[in-house]
Amino acid sequence: MSTPASVPVPRSIRVGGKQWKLDKSATNRSQLPKSRQTPFELRQEEAKRAKEVKLKEGEMKAEKIAELEARKKAIQEKREKAAEKERYDKLKEKMHQKSVDRMRKREKRNKLLKDR
């Protein structure tokens, strides 16, 4: 003997006992003219294609942003390098060459330690 919950109820029979009422359908789809109604499978395919296009656009946008960031970083590094060179040139005028070289080495070593 099986329970009534495990037996599948046919779609045509109402559970509440109001058999005289009409079955409801999706208003949005049923109200459209037949010429504009598309099968569910076609709508799913279109949605899938739109999702793929959106993903591709996102990838392209991310690629473009990454390229821009790389360009910005290169320009920034170039400017920093030029500023550092100018600073050492000014120090060369005031100090002896060897002491400037030692200072440069020390700063480079400290920078490498700091970046770790």
N, C-alpha and C. Protein backbone atom coordinates (compact mmCIF):
# COMPACT_ATOMS: atom_id res chain seq x y z
N MET A 1 0.84 -1.18 0.00
CA MET A 1 0.00 0.00 0.00
C MET A 1 0.89 1.24 0.00
N SER A 2 0.70 2.11 -0.95
CA SER A 2 1.54 3.31 -1.06
C SER A 2 0.79 4.53 -0.55
N THR A 3 1.56 5.55 -0.19
CA THR A 3 0.95 6.78 0.33
C THR A 3 0.46 7.62 -0.82
N PRO A 4 -0.54 8.47 -0.59
CA PRO A 4 -1.07 9.30 -1.67
C PRO A 4 -0.06 10.33 -2.17
N ALA A 5 0.92 10.72 -1.36
CA ALA A 5 1.90 11.71 -1.78
C ALA A 5 2.84 11.15 -2.83
N SER A 6 3.10 9.84 -2.79
CA SER A 6 4.04 9.25 -3.74
C SER A 6 3.39 8.99 -5.10
N VAL A 7 2.06 8.93 -5.15
CA VAL A 7 1.36 8.71 -6.41
C VAL A 7 1.28 10.04 -7.16
N PRO A 8 1.78 10.08 -8.40
CA PRO A 8 1.70 11.34 -9.14
C PRO A 8 0.26 11.68 -9.51
N VAL A 9 -0.14 12.91 -9.23
CA VAL A 9 -1.49 13.36 -9.53
C VAL A 9 -1.51 13.84 -10.98
N PRO A 10 -2.46 13.35 -11.78
CA PRO A 10 -2.53 13.83 -13.17
C PRO A 10 -2.77 15.33 -13.21
N ARG A 11 -2.25 15.98 -14.22
CA ARG A 11 -2.32 17.43 -14.33
C ARG A 11 -3.75 17.92 -14.51
N SER A 12 -4.58 17.14 -15.13
CA SER A 12 -5.93 17.60 -15.43
C SER A 12 -6.85 17.61 -14.20
N ILE A 13 -6.55 16.82 -13.18
CA ILE A 13 -7.41 16.77 -12.01
C ILE A 13 -6.93 17.79 -10.99
N ARG A 14 -7.87 18.63 -10.52
CA ARG A 14 -7.53 19.64 -9.51
C ARG A 14 -7.51 19.02 -8.13
N VAL A 15 -6.56 19.45 -7.32
CA VAL A 15 -6.43 18.92 -5.96
C VAL A 15 -7.52 19.50 -5.06
N GLY A 16 -7.83 20.77 -5.26
CA GLY A 16 -8.80 21.44 -4.40
C GLY A 16 -10.23 21.03 -4.65
N GLY A 17 -10.50 20.27 -5.70
CA GLY A 17 -11.84 19.80 -5.98
C GLY A 17 -12.67 20.75 -6.82
N LYS A 18 -12.08 21.81 -7.36
CA LYS A 18 -12.84 22.76 -8.18
C LYS A 18 -12.64 22.41 -9.66
N GLN A 19 -13.23 21.28 -10.05
CA GLN A 19 -13.00 20.81 -11.42
C GLN A 19 -13.66 21.70 -12.47
N TRP A 20 -14.63 22.50 -12.07
CA TRP A 20 -15.32 23.35 -13.05
C TRP A 20 -14.49 24.55 -13.47
N LYS A 21 -13.41 24.87 -12.69
CA LYS A 21 -12.56 26.02 -13.03
C LYS A 21 -11.61 25.65 -14.16
N LEU A 22 -11.28 26.65 -14.98
CA LEU A 22 -10.35 26.43 -16.09
C LEU A 22 -8.90 26.41 -15.58
N ASP A 23 -8.07 25.63 -16.27
CA ASP A 23 -6.64 25.61 -15.93
C ASP A 23 -6.00 26.92 -16.33
N LYS A 24 -5.13 27.42 -15.46
CA LYS A 24 -4.45 28.68 -15.75
C LYS A 24 -3.18 28.40 -16.55
N SER A 25 -2.83 29.35 -17.39
CA SER A 25 -1.57 29.24 -18.14
C SER A 25 -0.81 30.55 -17.98
N ALA A 26 0.42 30.57 -18.43
CA ALA A 26 1.25 31.76 -18.30
C ALA A 26 0.66 32.87 -19.14
N THR A 27 0.20 33.93 -18.47
CA THR A 27 -0.49 35.02 -19.15
C THR A 27 0.41 35.69 -20.18
N ASN A 28 1.65 35.93 -19.79
CA ASN A 28 2.57 36.64 -20.67
C ASN A 28 2.73 35.91 -22.00
N ARG A 29 2.86 34.59 -21.97
CA ARG A 29 3.06 33.83 -23.20
C ARG A 29 1.74 33.61 -23.94
N SER A 30 0.66 33.39 -23.21
CA SER A 30 -0.60 33.05 -23.88
C SER A 30 -1.27 34.28 -24.50
N GLN A 31 -0.99 35.47 -24.00
CA GLN A 31 -1.61 36.67 -24.53
C GLN A 31 -0.93 37.16 -25.82
N LEU A 32 0.30 36.71 -26.05
CA LEU A 32 1.00 37.14 -27.26
C LEU A 32 0.32 36.57 -28.50
N PRO A 33 0.36 37.30 -29.61
CA PRO A 33 -0.18 36.73 -30.84
C PRO A 33 0.68 35.53 -31.28
N LYS A 34 0.07 34.60 -31.97
CA LYS A 34 0.76 33.38 -32.38
C LYS A 34 1.99 33.70 -33.23
N SER A 35 1.95 34.79 -33.98
CA SER A 35 3.09 35.14 -34.84
C SER A 35 4.32 35.54 -34.02
N ARG A 36 4.11 36.03 -32.79
CA ARG A 36 5.23 36.47 -31.96
C ARG A 36 5.67 35.43 -30.93
N GLN A 37 4.89 34.37 -30.79
CA GLN A 37 5.25 33.34 -29.82
C GLN A 37 6.38 32.48 -30.39
N THR A 38 7.39 32.26 -29.56
CA THR A 38 8.52 31.42 -29.98
C THR A 38 8.60 30.23 -29.03
N PRO A 39 9.05 29.11 -29.53
CA PRO A 39 9.17 27.94 -28.66
C PRO A 39 10.20 28.17 -27.55
N PHE A 40 10.00 27.49 -26.44
CA PHE A 40 10.87 27.64 -25.27
C PHE A 40 12.33 27.32 -25.63
N GLU A 41 12.54 26.29 -26.44
CA GLU A 41 13.91 25.89 -26.81
C GLU A 41 14.63 27.02 -27.54
N LEU A 42 13.90 27.69 -28.45
CA LEU A 42 14.51 28.81 -29.19
C LEU A 42 14.87 29.95 -28.24
N ARG A 43 13.97 30.24 -27.30
CA ARG A 43 14.25 31.31 -26.34
C ARG A 43 15.47 30.96 -25.49
N GLN A 44 15.58 29.68 -25.11
CA GLN A 44 16.72 29.24 -24.32
C GLN A 44 18.02 29.38 -25.12
N GLU A 45 17.98 29.01 -26.41
CA GLU A 45 19.16 29.14 -27.27
C GLU A 45 19.58 30.61 -27.39
N GLU A 46 18.60 31.48 -27.58
CA GLU A 46 18.91 32.92 -27.69
C GLU A 46 19.53 33.44 -26.40
N ALA A 47 18.98 33.01 -25.27
CA ALA A 47 19.53 33.43 -23.98
C ALA A 47 20.95 32.92 -23.81
N LYS A 48 21.19 31.69 -24.25
CA LYS A 48 22.53 31.09 -24.17
C LYS A 48 23.51 31.89 -25.03
N ARG A 49 23.09 32.21 -26.25
CA ARG A 49 23.95 33.00 -27.15
C ARG A 49 24.24 34.38 -26.56
N ALA A 50 23.20 35.00 -25.99
CA ALA A 50 23.39 36.33 -25.38
C ALA A 50 24.37 36.24 -24.21
N LYS A 51 24.27 35.17 -23.43
CA LYS A 51 25.18 34.97 -22.30
C LYS A 51 26.62 34.81 -22.78
N GLU A 52 26.80 34.03 -23.86
CA GLU A 52 28.14 33.83 -24.42
C GLU A 52 28.72 35.15 -24.92
N VAL A 53 27.88 35.94 -25.58
CA VAL A 53 28.33 37.24 -26.09
C VAL A 53 28.74 38.14 -24.94
N LYS A 54 27.94 38.13 -23.88
CA LYS A 54 28.24 38.95 -22.71
C LYS A 54 29.56 38.54 -22.07
N LEU A 55 29.79 37.23 -21.97
CA LEU A 55 31.06 36.73 -21.42
C LEU A 55 32.24 37.18 -22.28
N LYS A 56 32.07 37.07 -23.60
CA LYS A 56 33.14 37.47 -24.52
C LYS A 56 33.42 38.97 -24.38
N GLU A 57 32.36 39.76 -24.29
CA GLU A 57 32.53 41.21 -24.11
C GLU A 57 33.26 41.51 -22.81
N GLY A 58 32.90 40.79 -21.76
CA GLY A 58 33.57 40.97 -20.47
C GLY A 58 35.05 40.65 -20.55
N GLU A 59 35.39 39.55 -21.26
CA GLU A 59 36.79 39.18 -21.44
C GLU A 59 37.54 40.27 -22.21
N MET A 60 36.92 40.75 -23.28
CA MET A 60 37.56 41.79 -24.09
C MET A 60 37.78 43.06 -23.28
N LYS A 61 36.78 43.41 -22.47
CA LYS A 61 36.88 44.61 -21.65
C LYS A 61 37.99 44.46 -20.61
N ALA A 62 38.06 43.28 -19.99
CA ALA A 62 39.10 43.02 -18.99
C ALA A 62 40.48 43.08 -19.64
N GLU A 63 40.58 42.53 -20.85
CA GLU A 63 41.85 42.56 -21.59
C GLU A 63 42.27 44.00 -21.88
N LYS A 64 41.30 44.80 -22.30
CA LYS A 64 41.57 46.20 -22.62
C LYS A 64 42.03 46.96 -21.37
N ILE A 65 41.36 46.71 -20.25
CA ILE A 65 41.71 47.38 -18.99
C ILE A 65 43.11 46.96 -18.54
N ALA A 66 43.42 45.65 -18.69
CA ALA A 66 44.74 45.16 -18.30
C ALA A 66 45.83 45.81 -19.15
N GLU A 67 45.56 45.96 -20.43
CA GLU A 67 46.52 46.60 -21.34
C GLU A 67 46.74 48.06 -20.93
N LEU A 68 45.66 48.74 -20.60
CA LEU A 68 45.74 50.14 -20.17
C LEU A 68 46.55 50.25 -18.88
N GLU A 69 46.28 49.36 -17.93
CA GLU A 69 47.00 49.36 -16.66
C GLU A 69 48.49 49.11 -16.87
N ALA A 70 48.81 48.19 -17.80
CA ALA A 70 50.21 47.90 -18.09
C ALA A 70 50.90 49.13 -18.66
N ARG A 71 50.20 49.83 -19.54
CA ARG A 71 50.76 51.05 -20.13
C ARG A 71 51.00 52.11 -19.05
N LYS A 72 50.00 52.27 -18.17
CA LYS A 72 50.13 53.25 -17.08
C LYS A 72 51.32 52.92 -16.19
N LYS A 73 51.45 51.62 -15.87
CA LYS A 73 52.53 51.19 -14.99
C LYS A 73 53.89 51.45 -15.64
N ALA A 74 53.99 51.17 -16.95
CA ALA A 74 55.25 51.39 -17.67
C ALA A 74 55.63 52.87 -17.64
N ILE A 75 54.65 53.73 -17.87
CA ILE A 75 54.90 55.18 -17.86
C ILE A 75 55.33 55.62 -16.47
N GLN A 76 54.66 55.11 -15.44
CA GLN A 76 54.98 55.48 -14.07
C GLN A 76 56.40 55.04 -13.71
N GLU A 77 56.77 53.81 -14.08
CA GLU A 77 58.12 53.32 -13.80
C GLU A 77 59.17 54.16 -14.52
N LYS A 78 58.86 54.53 -15.76
CA LYS A 78 59.79 55.35 -16.55
C LYS A 78 60.01 56.70 -15.87
N ARG A 79 58.93 57.30 -15.38
CA ARG A 79 59.03 58.60 -14.70
C ARG A 79 59.82 58.48 -13.40
N GLU A 80 59.55 57.40 -12.64
CA GLU A 80 60.27 57.20 -11.39
C GLU A 80 61.77 57.02 -11.65
N LYS A 81 62.09 56.26 -12.68
CA LYS A 81 63.49 56.02 -13.04
C LYS A 81 64.17 57.34 -13.41
N ALA A 82 63.48 58.16 -14.20
CA ALA A 82 64.04 59.45 -14.63
C ALA A 82 64.25 60.36 -13.42
N ALA A 83 63.27 60.37 -12.49
CA ALA A 83 63.39 61.21 -11.30
C ALA A 83 64.56 60.75 -10.43
N GLU A 84 64.73 59.44 -10.30
CA GLU A 84 65.84 58.90 -9.52
C GLU A 84 67.18 59.26 -10.15
N LYS A 85 67.24 59.16 -11.47
CA LYS A 85 68.48 59.49 -12.18
C LYS A 85 68.81 60.97 -11.98
N GLU A 86 67.81 61.81 -12.07
CA GLU A 86 68.03 63.25 -11.88
C GLU A 86 68.50 63.54 -10.46
N ARG A 87 67.94 62.84 -9.50
CA ARG A 87 68.34 63.03 -8.10
C ARG A 87 69.80 62.65 -7.91
N TYR A 88 70.21 61.52 -8.50
CA TYR A 88 71.60 61.09 -8.38
C TYR A 88 72.55 62.05 -9.10
N ASP A 89 72.09 62.60 -10.22
CA ASP A 89 72.91 63.59 -10.94
C ASP A 89 73.14 64.83 -10.08
N LYS A 90 72.09 65.26 -9.36
CA LYS A 90 72.24 66.42 -8.48
C LYS A 90 73.20 66.11 -7.33
N LEU A 91 73.12 64.86 -6.82
CA LEU A 91 74.02 64.46 -5.74
C LEU A 91 75.46 64.38 -6.23
N LYS A 92 75.65 63.98 -7.49
CA LYS A 92 76.99 63.89 -8.07
C LYS A 92 77.69 65.24 -8.06
N GLU A 93 76.91 66.29 -8.30
CA GLU A 93 77.49 67.63 -8.32
C GLU A 93 78.04 68.01 -6.95
N LYS A 94 77.32 67.58 -5.90
CA LYS A 94 77.71 67.94 -4.54
C LYS A 94 78.75 66.98 -3.96
N MET A 95 78.57 65.65 -4.23
CA MET A 95 79.38 64.64 -3.57
C MET A 95 80.36 63.98 -4.54
N HIS A 96 81.25 63.17 -3.96
CA HIS A 96 82.21 62.42 -4.75
C HIS A 96 81.49 61.26 -5.44
N GLN A 97 81.99 60.84 -6.61
CA GLN A 97 81.35 59.79 -7.41
C GLN A 97 81.22 58.47 -6.64
N LYS A 98 82.30 58.06 -5.96
CA LYS A 98 82.27 56.76 -5.27
C LYS A 98 81.24 56.75 -4.14
N SER A 99 81.13 57.83 -3.41
CA SER A 99 80.16 57.86 -2.32
C SER A 99 78.73 57.82 -2.86
N VAL A 100 78.50 58.45 -4.01
CA VAL A 100 77.18 58.40 -4.65
C VAL A 100 76.87 56.96 -5.08
N ASP A 101 77.88 56.28 -5.65
CA ASP A 101 77.68 54.89 -6.07
C ASP A 101 77.36 53.99 -4.87
N ARG A 102 78.09 54.20 -3.77
CA ARG A 102 77.84 53.40 -2.56
C ARG A 102 76.41 53.64 -2.05
N MET A 103 76.02 54.91 -2.06
CA MET A 103 74.68 55.26 -1.60
C MET A 103 73.61 54.60 -2.49
N ARG A 104 73.85 54.62 -3.79
CA ARG A 104 72.92 54.02 -4.73
C ARG A 104 72.78 52.52 -4.46
N LYS A 105 73.92 51.85 -4.25
CA LYS A 105 73.91 50.41 -3.94
C LYS A 105 73.12 50.13 -2.67
N ARG A 106 73.37 50.93 -1.65
CA ARG A 106 72.70 50.76 -0.37
C ARG A 106 71.19 50.93 -0.52
N GLU A 107 70.79 51.97 -1.26
CA GLU A 107 69.35 52.22 -1.47
C GLU A 107 68.70 51.08 -2.26
N LYS A 108 69.41 50.58 -3.26
CA LYS A 108 68.88 49.48 -4.05
C LYS A 108 68.69 48.24 -3.18
N ARG A 109 69.69 47.97 -2.31
CA ARG A 109 69.62 46.81 -1.41
C ARG A 109 68.43 46.97 -0.45
N ASN A 110 68.27 48.16 0.11
CA ASN A 110 67.16 48.42 1.03
C ASN A 110 65.81 48.27 0.32
N LYS A 111 65.76 48.74 -0.92
CA LYS A 111 64.51 48.64 -1.68
C LYS A 111 64.15 47.18 -1.93
N LEU A 112 65.16 46.36 -2.28
CA LEU A 112 64.91 44.94 -2.51
C LEU A 112 64.44 44.25 -1.23
N LEU A 113 65.03 44.62 -0.10
CA LEU A 113 64.61 44.04 1.17
C LEU A 113 63.19 44.47 1.53
N LYS A 114 62.87 45.71 1.23
CA LYS A 114 61.54 46.24 1.55
C LYS A 114 60.46 45.59 0.66
N ASP A 115 60.80 45.30 -0.59
CA ASP A 115 59.84 44.73 -1.53
C ASP A 115 59.52 43.27 -1.24
N ARG A 116 60.36 42.59 -0.49
CA ARG A 116 60.14 41.18 -0.19
C ARG A 116 58.88 40.94 0.56
